[in-house]
PDB file of all heavy atoms in Angstrom:
ATOM      1  N   VAL A   1     -44.785   5.302 -34.770  1.00  0.00           N
ATOM      2  CA  VAL A   1     -45.636   4.736 -35.813  1.00  0.00           C
ATOM      3  C   VAL A   1     -46.596   5.825 -36.431  1.00  0.00           C
ATOM      4  O   VAL A   1     -47.192   6.664 -35.717  1.00  0.00           O
ATOM      5  CB  VAL A   1     -46.543   3.505 -35.305  1.00  0.00           C
ATOM      6  CG1 VAL A   1     -47.511   3.094 -36.361  1.00  0.00           C
ATOM      7  CG2 VAL A   1     -45.647   2.455 -34.793  1.00  0.00           C
ATOM      8  N   LEU A   2     -46.672   5.877 -37.740  1.00  0.00           N
ATOM      9  CA  LEU A   2     -47.611   6.616 -38.438  1.00  0.00           C
ATOM     10  C   LEU A   2     -48.797   5.731 -38.930  1.00  0.00           C
ATOM     11  O   LEU A   2     -48.478   4.867 -39.681  1.00  0.00           O
ATOM     12  CB  LEU A   2     -47.085   7.386 -39.644  1.00  0.00           C
ATOM     13  CG  LEU A   2     -47.988   8.066 -40.590  1.00  0.00           C
ATOM     14  CD1 LEU A   2     -48.804   9.170 -39.954  1.00  0.00           C
ATOM     15  CD2 LEU A   2     -47.278   8.545 -41.938  1.00  0.00           C
ATOM     16  N   ASP A   3     -49.957   6.001 -38.465  1.00  0.00           N
ATOM     17  CA  ASP A   3     -51.159   5.277 -38.953  1.00  0.00           C
ATOM     18  C   ASP A   3     -51.764   6.167 -40.099  1.00  0.00           C
ATOM     19  O   ASP A   3     -52.333   7.151 -39.823  1.00  0.00           O
ATOM     20  CB  ASP A   3     -52.140   5.045 -37.822  1.00  0.00           C
ATOM     21  CG  ASP A   3     -53.348   4.341 -38.235  1.00  0.00           C
ATOM     22  OD1 ASP A   3     -53.549   4.042 -39.513  1.00  0.00           O
ATOM     23  OD2 ASP A   3     -54.129   3.855 -37.412  1.00  0.00           O
ATOM     24  N   TYR A   4     -51.500   5.724 -41.250  1.00  0.00           N
ATOM     25  CA  TYR A   4     -51.921   6.503 -42.454  1.00  0.00           C
ATOM     26  C   TYR A   4     -53.332   6.067 -42.927  1.00  0.00           C
ATOM     27  O   TYR A   4     -53.550   4.865 -43.224  1.00  0.00           O
ATOM     28  CB  TYR A   4     -50.999   6.338 -43.663  1.00  0.00           C
ATOM     29  CG  TYR A   4     -51.310   7.116 -44.851  1.00  0.00           C
ATOM     30  CD1 TYR A   4     -50.815   8.391 -45.021  1.00  0.00           C
ATOM     31  CD2 TYR A   4     -52.100   6.644 -45.822  1.00  0.00           C
ATOM     32  CE1 TYR A   4     -51.205   9.198 -46.098  1.00  0.00           C
ATOM     33  CE2 TYR A   4     -52.474   7.420 -46.872  1.00  0.00           C
ATOM     34  CZ  TYR A   4     -51.969   8.616 -47.085  1.00  0.00           C
ATOM     35  OH  TYR A   4     -52.350   9.447 -48.129  1.00  0.00           O
ATOM     36  N   GLY A   5     -54.278   6.934 -42.957  1.00  0.00           N
ATOM     37  CA  GLY A   5     -55.685   6.611 -43.263  1.00  0.00           C
ATOM     38  C   GLY A   5     -56.276   5.980 -42.049  1.00  0.00           C
ATOM     39  O   GLY A   5     -56.904   4.964 -42.095  1.00  0.00           O
ATOM     40  N   CYS A   6     -56.084   6.654 -40.913  1.00  0.00           N
ATOM     41  CA  CYS A   6     -56.517   6.054 -39.592  1.00  0.00           C
ATOM     42  C   CYS A   6     -57.985   5.974 -39.377  1.00  0.00           C
ATOM     43  O   CYS A   6     -58.434   5.174 -38.543  1.00  0.00           O
ATOM     44  CB  CYS A   6     -55.920   6.914 -38.429  1.00  0.00           C
ATOM     45  SG  CYS A   6     -56.514   8.556 -38.483  1.00  0.00           S
ATOM     46  N   GLY A   7     -58.833   6.634 -40.145  1.00  0.00           N
ATOM     47  CA  GLY A   7     -60.270   6.489 -39.992  1.00  0.00           C
ATOM     48  C   GLY A   7     -60.646   6.991 -38.620  1.00  0.00           C
ATOM     49  O   GLY A   7     -60.137   7.917 -37.993  1.00  0.00           O
ATOM     50  N   LEU A   8     -61.511   6.153 -37.955  1.00  0.00           N
ATOM     51  CA  LEU A   8     -61.966   6.476 -36.582  1.00  0.00           C
ATOM     52  C   LEU A   8     -61.128   5.860 -35.500  1.00  0.00           C
ATOM     53  O   LEU A   8     -61.258   6.049 -34.353  1.00  0.00           O
ATOM     54  CB  LEU A   8     -63.385   5.837 -36.331  1.00  0.00           C
ATOM     55  CG  LEU A   8     -64.493   6.484 -37.291  1.00  0.00           C
ATOM     56  CD1 LEU A   8     -65.715   5.758 -37.045  1.00  0.00           C
ATOM     57  CD2 LEU A   8     -64.592   7.972 -37.066  1.00  0.00           C
ATOM     58  N   GLY A   9     -59.921   5.274 -35.910  1.00  0.00           N
ATOM     59  CA  GLY A   9     -58.938   4.759 -34.878  1.00  0.00           C
ATOM     60  C   GLY A   9     -59.148   3.303 -34.734  1.00  0.00           C
ATOM     61  O   GLY A   9     -60.120   2.845 -34.350  1.00  0.00           O
ATOM     62  N   THR A  10     -58.043   2.516 -34.980  1.00  0.00           N
ATOM     63  CA  THR A  10     -57.998   1.129 -34.823  1.00  0.00           C
ATOM     64  C   THR A  10     -57.526   0.710 -33.403  1.00  0.00           C
ATOM     65  O   THR A  10     -57.938  -0.322 -32.899  1.00  0.00           O
ATOM     66  CB  THR A  10     -57.055   0.530 -35.868  1.00  0.00           C
ATOM     67  OG1 THR A  10     -57.629   0.766 -37.109  1.00  0.00           O
ATOM     68  CG2 THR A  10     -56.896  -0.978 -35.693  1.00  0.00           C
ATOM     69  N   TRP A  11     -56.719   1.632 -32.837  1.00  0.00           N
ATOM     70  CA  TRP A  11     -56.004   1.119 -31.590  1.00  0.00           C
ATOM     71  C   TRP A  11     -56.832   1.326 -30.326  1.00  0.00           C
ATOM     72  O   TRP A  11     -57.573   2.298 -30.171  1.00  0.00           O
ATOM     73  CB  TRP A  11     -54.689   1.982 -31.536  1.00  0.00           C
ATOM     74  CG  TRP A  11     -53.943   2.049 -32.878  1.00  0.00           C
ATOM     75  CD1 TRP A  11     -54.105   3.063 -33.777  1.00  0.00           C
ATOM     76  CD2 TRP A  11     -53.156   1.101 -33.451  1.00  0.00           C
ATOM     77  NE1 TRP A  11     -53.392   2.790 -34.837  1.00  0.00           N
ATOM     78  CE2 TRP A  11     -52.752   1.575 -34.656  1.00  0.00           C
ATOM     79  CE3 TRP A  11     -52.680  -0.159 -33.022  1.00  0.00           C
ATOM     80  CZ2 TRP A  11     -51.911   0.881 -35.493  1.00  0.00           C
ATOM     81  CZ3 TRP A  11     -51.727  -0.860 -33.801  1.00  0.00           C
ATOM     82  CH2 TRP A  11     -51.426  -0.316 -35.057  1.00  0.00           C
ATOM     83  N   ASN A  12     -56.564   0.428 -29.395  1.00  0.00           N
ATOM     84  CA  ASN A  12     -57.177   0.483 -28.068  1.00  0.00           C
ATOM     85  C   ASN A  12     -56.158   1.249 -27.240  1.00  0.00           C
ATOM     86  O   ASN A  12     -54.937   0.949 -27.257  1.00  0.00           O
ATOM     87  CB  ASN A  12     -57.367  -0.885 -27.563  1.00  0.00           C
ATOM     88  CG  ASN A  12     -58.235  -0.886 -26.300  1.00  0.00           C
ATOM     89  OD1 ASN A  12     -58.059   0.030 -25.423  1.00  0.00           O
ATOM     90  ND2 ASN A  12     -59.137  -1.814 -26.118  1.00  0.00           N
ATOM     91  N   ASN A  13     -56.562   2.192 -26.454  1.00  0.00           N
ATOM     92  CA  ASN A  13     -55.627   2.983 -25.590  1.00  0.00           C
ATOM     93  C   ASN A  13     -54.992   2.138 -24.472  1.00  0.00           C
ATOM     94  O   ASN A  13     -54.020   2.529 -23.896  1.00  0.00           O
ATOM     95  CB  ASN A  13     -56.442   4.188 -25.005  1.00  0.00           C
ATOM     96  CG  ASN A  13     -56.291   5.388 -25.904  1.00  0.00           C
ATOM     97  OD1 ASN A  13     -55.266   5.709 -26.428  1.00  0.00           O
ATOM     98  ND2 ASN A  13     -57.461   6.050 -26.104  1.00  0.00           N
ATOM     99  N   GLU A  14     -55.684   1.066 -24.135  1.00  0.00           N
ATOM    100  CA  GLU A  14     -55.195   0.344 -23.040  1.00  0.00           C
ATOM    101  C   GLU A  14     -54.212  -0.845 -23.437  1.00  0.00           C
ATOM    102  O   GLU A  14     -54.590  -1.747 -24.275  1.00  0.00           O
ATOM    103  CB  GLU A  14     -56.351  -0.514 -22.302  1.00  0.00           C
ATOM    104  CG  GLU A  14     -57.390   0.593 -21.767  1.00  0.00           C
ATOM    105  CD  GLU A  14     -58.586  -0.174 -21.223  1.00  0.00           C
ATOM    106  OE1 GLU A  14     -58.525  -1.410 -21.047  1.00  0.00           O
ATOM    107  OE2 GLU A  14     -59.679   0.528 -20.916  1.00  0.00           O
ATOM    108  N   ILE A  15     -52.949  -0.712 -23.014  1.00  0.00           N
ATOM    109  CA  ILE A  15     -51.858  -1.577 -23.469  1.00  0.00           C
ATOM    110  C   ILE A  15     -52.233  -3.045 -23.170  1.00  0.00           C
ATOM    111  O   ILE A  15     -51.913  -3.970 -23.851  1.00  0.00           O
ATOM    112  CB  ILE A  15     -50.513  -1.209 -22.898  1.00  0.00           C
ATOM    113  CG1 ILE A  15     -50.131   0.206 -23.373  1.00  0.00           C
ATOM    114  CG2 ILE A  15     -49.427  -2.137 -23.223  1.00  0.00           C
ATOM    115  CD1 ILE A  15     -48.860   0.741 -22.775  1.00  0.00           C
ATOM    116  N   GLU A  16     -52.836  -3.279 -21.980  1.00  0.00           N
ATOM    117  CA  GLU A  16     -53.178  -4.545 -21.548  1.00  0.00           C
ATOM    118  C   GLU A  16     -54.138  -5.240 -22.435  1.00  0.00           C
ATOM    119  O   GLU A  16     -54.300  -6.468 -22.360  1.00  0.00           O
ATOM    120  CB  GLU A  16     -53.641  -4.607 -20.045  1.00  0.00           C
ATOM    121  CG  GLU A  16     -54.957  -3.810 -19.822  1.00  0.00           C
ATOM    122  CD  GLU A  16     -54.594  -2.297 -19.494  1.00  0.00           C
ATOM    123  OE1 GLU A  16     -53.545  -1.787 -19.824  1.00  0.00           O
ATOM    124  OE2 GLU A  16     -55.457  -1.707 -18.723  1.00  0.00           O
ATOM    125  N   ASN A  17     -54.832  -4.462 -23.189  1.00  0.00           N
ATOM    126  CA  ASN A  17     -55.846  -5.080 -24.137  1.00  0.00           C
ATOM    127  C   ASN A  17     -55.256  -5.137 -25.563  1.00  0.00           C
ATOM    128  O   ASN A  17     -55.974  -5.004 -26.565  1.00  0.00           O
ATOM    129  CB  ASN A  17     -57.182  -4.273 -24.144  1.00  0.00           C
ATOM    130  CG  ASN A  17     -57.929  -4.421 -22.911  1.00  0.00           C
ATOM    131  OD1 ASN A  17     -57.806  -5.369 -22.156  1.00  0.00           O
ATOM    132  ND2 ASN A  17     -58.723  -3.431 -22.557  1.00  0.00           N
ATOM    133  N   ASN A  18     -53.908  -5.277 -25.748  1.00  0.00           N
ATOM    134  CA  ASN A  18     -53.215  -5.338 -26.915  1.00  0.00           C
ATOM    135  C   ASN A  18     -53.520  -4.063 -27.801  1.00  0.00           C
ATOM    136  O   ASN A  18     -53.660  -4.125 -29.016  1.00  0.00           O
ATOM    137  CB  ASN A  18     -53.667  -6.590 -27.670  1.00  0.00           C
ATOM    138  CG  ASN A  18     -53.209  -7.855 -27.061  1.00  0.00           C
ATOM    139  OD1 ASN A  18     -52.016  -8.087 -26.837  1.00  0.00           O
ATOM    140  ND2 ASN A  18     -54.114  -8.691 -26.675  1.00  0.00           N
ATOM    141  N   GLY A  19     -53.488  -2.922 -27.110  1.00  0.00           N
ATOM    142  CA  GLY A  19     -53.763  -1.700 -27.836  1.00  0.00           C
ATOM    143  C   GLY A  19     -52.484  -1.091 -28.411  1.00  0.00           C
ATOM    144  O   GLY A  19     -51.804  -1.526 -29.322  1.00  0.00           O
ATOM    145  N   ILE A  20     -52.063   0.072 -27.832  1.00  0.00           N
ATOM    146  CA  ILE A  20     -50.928   0.756 -28.336  1.00  0.00           C
ATOM    147  C   ILE A  20     -49.655   0.148 -27.656  1.00  0.00           C
ATOM    148  O   ILE A  20     -49.428   0.393 -26.476  1.00  0.00           O
ATOM    149  CB  ILE A  20     -51.057   2.239 -28.121  1.00  0.00           C
ATOM    150  CG1 ILE A  20     -52.233   2.795 -28.964  1.00  0.00           C
ATOM    151  CG2 ILE A  20     -49.804   2.953 -28.513  1.00  0.00           C
ATOM    152  CD1 ILE A  20     -52.698   4.175 -28.594  1.00  0.00           C
ATOM    153  N   PHE A  21     -48.860  -0.549 -28.340  1.00  0.00           N
ATOM    154  CA  PHE A  21     -47.738  -1.219 -27.813  1.00  0.00           C
ATOM    155  C   PHE A  21     -46.380  -0.665 -28.443  1.00  0.00           C
ATOM    156  O   PHE A  21     -45.351  -1.523 -28.567  1.00  0.00           O
ATOM    157  CB  PHE A  21     -47.822  -2.779 -28.010  1.00  0.00           C
ATOM    158  CG  PHE A  21     -48.235  -3.193 -29.425  1.00  0.00           C
ATOM    159  CD1 PHE A  21     -47.355  -3.354 -30.418  1.00  0.00           C
ATOM    160  CD2 PHE A  21     -49.632  -3.326 -29.727  1.00  0.00           C
ATOM    161  CE1 PHE A  21     -47.753  -3.693 -31.786  1.00  0.00           C
ATOM    162  CE2 PHE A  21     -50.011  -3.563 -30.991  1.00  0.00           C
ATOM    163  CZ  PHE A  21     -49.051  -3.782 -32.050  1.00  0.00           C
ATOM    164  N   PHE A  22     -46.339   0.549 -28.780  1.00  0.00           N
ATOM    165  CA  PHE A  22     -45.062   1.074 -29.327  1.00  0.00           C
ATOM    166  C   PHE A  22     -44.810   2.381 -28.600  1.00  0.00           C
ATOM    167  O   PHE A  22     -45.560   2.867 -27.698  1.00  0.00           O
ATOM    168  CB  PHE A  22     -45.286   1.270 -30.848  1.00  0.00           C
ATOM    169  CG  PHE A  22     -46.638   1.491 -31.300  1.00  0.00           C
ATOM    170  CD1 PHE A  22     -47.059   2.767 -31.330  1.00  0.00           C
ATOM    171  CD2 PHE A  22     -47.508   0.486 -31.745  1.00  0.00           C
ATOM    172  CE1 PHE A  22     -48.429   3.041 -31.632  1.00  0.00           C
ATOM    173  CE2 PHE A  22     -48.678   0.745 -32.158  1.00  0.00           C
ATOM    174  CZ  PHE A  22     -49.256   2.084 -32.155  1.00  0.00           C
ATOM    175  N   ASN A  23     -43.839   3.131 -29.103  1.00  0.00           N
ATOM    176  CA  ASN A  23     -43.455   4.355 -28.404  1.00  0.00           C
ATOM    177  C   ASN A  23     -44.366   5.529 -28.565  1.00  0.00           C
ATOM    178  O   ASN A  23     -44.792   6.146 -27.674  1.00  0.00           O
ATOM    179  CB  ASN A  23     -42.039   4.695 -28.902  1.00  0.00           C
ATOM    180  CG  ASN A  23     -41.428   5.920 -28.129  1.00  0.00           C
ATOM    181  OD1 ASN A  23     -41.580   6.064 -26.839  1.00  0.00           O
ATOM    182  ND2 ASN A  23     -40.881   6.891 -28.907  1.00  0.00           N
ATOM    183  N   LYS A  24     -44.503   5.880 -29.858  1.00  0.00           N
ATOM    184  CA  LYS A  24     -45.330   7.167 -30.172  1.00  0.00           C
ATOM    185  C   LYS A  24     -46.249   6.822 -31.341  1.00  0.00           C
ATOM    186  O   LYS A  24     -45.860   6.088 -32.314  1.00  0.00           O
ATOM    187  CB  LYS A  24     -44.421   8.272 -30.531  1.00  0.00           C
ATOM    188  CG  LYS A  24     -44.922   9.552 -30.632  1.00  0.00           C
ATOM    189  CD  LYS A  24     -44.007  10.680 -31.034  1.00  0.00           C
ATOM    190  CE  LYS A  24     -42.962  10.827 -29.981  1.00  0.00           C
ATOM    191  NZ  LYS A  24     -41.982  11.945 -30.322  1.00  0.00           N
ATOM    192  N   LEU A  25     -47.482   7.426 -31.373  1.00  0.00           N
ATOM    193  CA  LEU A  25     -48.361   7.211 -32.456  1.00  0.00           C
ATOM    194  C   LEU A  25     -48.750   8.556 -33.047  1.00  0.00           C
ATOM    195  O   LEU A  25     -49.209   9.429 -32.416  1.00  0.00           O
ATOM    196  CB  LEU A  25     -49.655   6.500 -31.885  1.00  0.00           C
ATOM    197  CG  LEU A  25     -50.800   6.323 -32.928  1.00  0.00           C
ATOM    198  CD1 LEU A  25     -50.417   5.345 -34.012  1.00  0.00           C
ATOM    199  CD2 LEU A  25     -52.038   5.723 -32.157  1.00  0.00           C
ATOM    200  N   PHE A  26     -48.568   8.620 -34.402  1.00  0.00           N
ATOM    201  CA  PHE A  26     -49.137   9.631 -35.183  1.00  0.00           C
ATOM    202  C   PHE A  26     -50.236   9.202 -36.083  1.00  0.00           C
ATOM    203  O   PHE A  26     -50.158   8.062 -36.616  1.00  0.00           O
ATOM    204  CB  PHE A  26     -48.025  10.241 -36.175  1.00  0.00           C
ATOM    205  CG  PHE A  26     -46.786  10.855 -35.504  1.00  0.00           C
ATOM    206  CD1 PHE A  26     -45.837  10.003 -35.070  1.00  0.00           C
ATOM    207  CD2 PHE A  26     -46.734  12.202 -35.398  1.00  0.00           C
ATOM    208  CE1 PHE A  26     -44.650  10.508 -34.477  1.00  0.00           C
ATOM    209  CE2 PHE A  26     -45.611  12.776 -34.791  1.00  0.00           C
ATOM    210  CZ  PHE A  26     -44.608  11.898 -34.225  1.00  0.00           C
ATOM    211  N   LEU A  27     -51.275   9.934 -36.055  1.00  0.00           N
ATOM    212  CA  LEU A  27     -52.570   9.532 -36.870  1.00  0.00           C
ATOM    213  C   LEU A  27     -52.846  10.594 -37.971  1.00  0.00           C
ATOM    214  O   LEU A  27     -52.840  11.746 -37.721  1.00  0.00           O
ATOM    215  CB  LEU A  27     -53.732   9.390 -35.974  1.00  0.00           C
ATOM    216  CG  LEU A  27     -53.538   8.385 -34.853  1.00  0.00           C
ATOM    217  CD1 LEU A  27     -53.587   9.079 -33.447  1.00  0.00           C
ATOM    218  CD2 LEU A  27     -54.564   7.344 -34.893  1.00  0.00           C
ATOM    219  N   TYR A  28     -53.044  10.001 -39.101  1.00  0.00           N
ATOM    220  CA  TYR A  28     -53.469  10.913 -40.260  1.00  0.00           C
ATOM    221  C   TYR A  28     -54.535  10.290 -41.060  1.00  0.00           C
ATOM    222  O   TYR A  28     -54.546   9.123 -41.397  1.00  0.00           O
ATOM    223  CB  TYR A  28     -52.192  11.134 -41.239  1.00  0.00           C
ATOM    224  CG  TYR A  28     -52.600  11.868 -42.481  1.00  0.00           C
ATOM    225  CD1 TYR A  28     -52.883  13.238 -42.465  1.00  0.00           C
ATOM    226  CD2 TYR A  28     -52.823  11.185 -43.683  1.00  0.00           C
ATOM    227  CE1 TYR A  28     -53.315  13.888 -43.532  1.00  0.00           C
ATOM    228  CE2 TYR A  28     -53.274  11.910 -44.818  1.00  0.00           C
ATOM    229  CZ  TYR A  28     -53.380  13.220 -44.733  1.00  0.00           C
ATOM    230  OH  TYR A  28     -53.863  13.899 -45.834  1.00  0.00           O
ATOM    231  N   ASP A  29     -55.503  11.168 -41.489  1.00  0.00           N
ATOM    232  CA  ASP A  29     -56.548  10.773 -42.331  1.00  0.00           C
ATOM    233  C   ASP A  29     -56.971  12.025 -43.193  1.00  0.00           C
ATOM    234  O   ASP A  29     -56.949  13.203 -42.664  1.00  0.00           O
ATOM    235  CB  ASP A  29     -57.810  10.259 -41.669  1.00  0.00           C
ATOM    236  CG  ASP A  29     -58.771   9.474 -42.573  1.00  0.00           C
ATOM    237  OD1 ASP A  29     -59.432  10.099 -43.414  1.00  0.00           O
ATOM    238  OD2 ASP A  29     -58.693   8.171 -42.450  1.00  0.00           O
ATOM    239  N   LYS A  30     -57.272  11.925 -44.411  1.00  0.00           N
ATOM    240  CA  LYS A  30     -57.639  13.009 -45.186  1.00  0.00           C
ATOM    241  C   LYS A  30     -58.962  13.645 -44.764  1.00  0.00           C
ATOM    242  O   LYS A  30     -59.186  14.887 -44.955  1.00  0.00           O
ATOM    243  CB  LYS A  30     -57.826  12.646 -46.752  1.00  0.00           C
ATOM    244  CG  LYS A  30     -56.510  12.436 -47.417  1.00  0.00           C
ATOM    245  CD  LYS A  30     -56.640  12.178 -48.924  1.00  0.00           C
ATOM    246  CE  LYS A  30     -55.377  12.152 -49.663  1.00  0.00           C
ATOM    247  NZ  LYS A  30     -55.556  11.914 -51.148  1.00  0.00           N
ATOM    248  N   ASN A  31     -59.777  12.930 -44.036  1.00  0.00           N
ATOM    249  CA  ASN A  31     -61.044  13.342 -43.671  1.00  0.00           C
ATOM    250  C   ASN A  31     -60.934  14.063 -42.368  1.00  0.00           C
ATOM    251  O   ASN A  31     -60.551  13.619 -41.318  1.00  0.00           O
ATOM    252  CB  ASN A  31     -62.028  12.150 -43.416  1.00  0.00           C
ATOM    253  CG  ASN A  31     -63.461  12.605 -43.092  1.00  0.00           C
ATOM    254  OD1 ASN A  31     -63.650  13.628 -42.631  1.00  0.00           O
ATOM    255  ND2 ASN A  31     -64.381  11.665 -43.314  1.00  0.00           N
ATOM    256  N   PRO A  32     -61.276  15.479 -42.410  1.00  0.00           N
ATOM    257  CA  PRO A  32     -61.176  16.196 -41.142  1.00  0.00           C
ATOM    258  C   PRO A  32     -62.025  15.742 -40.006  1.00  0.00           C
ATOM    259  O   PRO A  32     -61.621  15.860 -38.764  1.00  0.00           O
ATOM    260  CB  PRO A  32     -61.504  17.608 -41.568  1.00  0.00           C
ATOM    261  CG  PRO A  32     -62.320  17.475 -42.837  1.00  0.00           C
ATOM    262  CD  PRO A  32     -61.672  16.223 -43.509  1.00  0.00           C
ATOM    263  N   GLU A  33     -63.139  15.119 -40.292  1.00  0.00           N
ATOM    264  CA  GLU A  33     -64.024  14.550 -39.214  1.00  0.00           C
ATOM    265  C   GLU A  33     -63.290  13.385 -38.574  1.00  0.00           C
ATOM    266  O   GLU A  33     -63.368  13.287 -37.328  1.00  0.00           O
ATOM    267  CB  GLU A  33     -65.350  14.094 -39.806  1.00  0.00           C
ATOM    268  CG  GLU A  33     -66.245  15.212 -40.304  1.00  0.00           C
ATOM    269  CD  GLU A  33     -67.499  14.645 -40.911  1.00  0.00           C
ATOM    270  OE1 GLU A  33     -68.274  14.026 -40.205  1.00  0.00           O
ATOM    271  OE2 GLU A  33     -67.730  14.852 -42.136  1.00  0.00           O
ATOM    272  N   ALA A  34     -62.605  12.506 -39.294  1.00  0.00           N
ATOM    273  CA  ALA A  34     -61.871  11.456 -38.680  1.00  0.00           C
ATOM    274  C   ALA A  34     -60.825  11.973 -37.825  1.00  0.00           C
ATOM    275  O   ALA A  34     -60.495  11.434 -36.712  1.00  0.00           O
ATOM    276  CB  ALA A  34     -61.283  10.552 -39.884  1.00  0.00           C
ATOM    277  N   ARG A  35     -60.027  13.007 -38.261  1.00  0.00           N
ATOM    278  CA  ARG A  35     -58.969  13.612 -37.433  1.00  0.00           C
ATOM    279  C   ARG A  35     -59.603  14.157 -36.127  1.00  0.00           C
ATOM    280  O   ARG A  35     -58.968  13.924 -35.051  1.00  0.00           O
ATOM    281  CB  ARG A  35     -58.286  14.672 -38.239  1.00  0.00           C
ATOM    282  CG  ARG A  35     -57.532  14.110 -39.459  1.00  0.00           C
ATOM    283  CD  ARG A  35     -56.393  15.155 -39.960  1.00  0.00           C
ATOM    284  NE  ARG A  35     -57.005  16.394 -40.330  1.00  0.00           N
ATOM    285  CZ  ARG A  35     -57.401  16.733 -41.542  1.00  0.00           C
ATOM    286  NH1 ARG A  35     -57.313  15.839 -42.550  1.00  0.00           N
ATOM    287  NH2 ARG A  35     -57.829  17.965 -41.754  1.00  0.00           N
ATOM    288  N   GLU A  36     -60.665  14.816 -36.212  1.00  0.00           N
ATOM    289  CA  GLU A  36     -61.235  15.391 -34.925  1.00  0.00           C
ATOM    290  C   GLU A  36     -61.743  14.296 -34.109  1.00  0.00           C
ATOM    291  O   GLU A  36     -61.473  14.454 -32.851  1.00  0.00           O
ATOM    292  CB  GLU A  36     -62.421  16.277 -35.342  1.00  0.00           C
ATOM    293  CG  GLU A  36     -62.084  17.603 -35.951  1.00  0.00           C
ATOM    294  CD  GLU A  36     -61.130  18.486 -35.094  1.00  0.00           C
ATOM    295  OE1 GLU A  36     -61.381  18.570 -33.906  1.00  0.00           O
ATOM    296  OE2 GLU A  36     -60.131  18.867 -35.619  1.00  0.00           O
TER     297      GLU A  36
END
């Protein structure tokens, strides 16, 4: 999955909390602060 315009991040790292439930996550935002 590509999260386009990810901002500060929507996903929870913990799968049991309905967070990241797919194979691989790519995150992109135009804002370098958001990426960092």
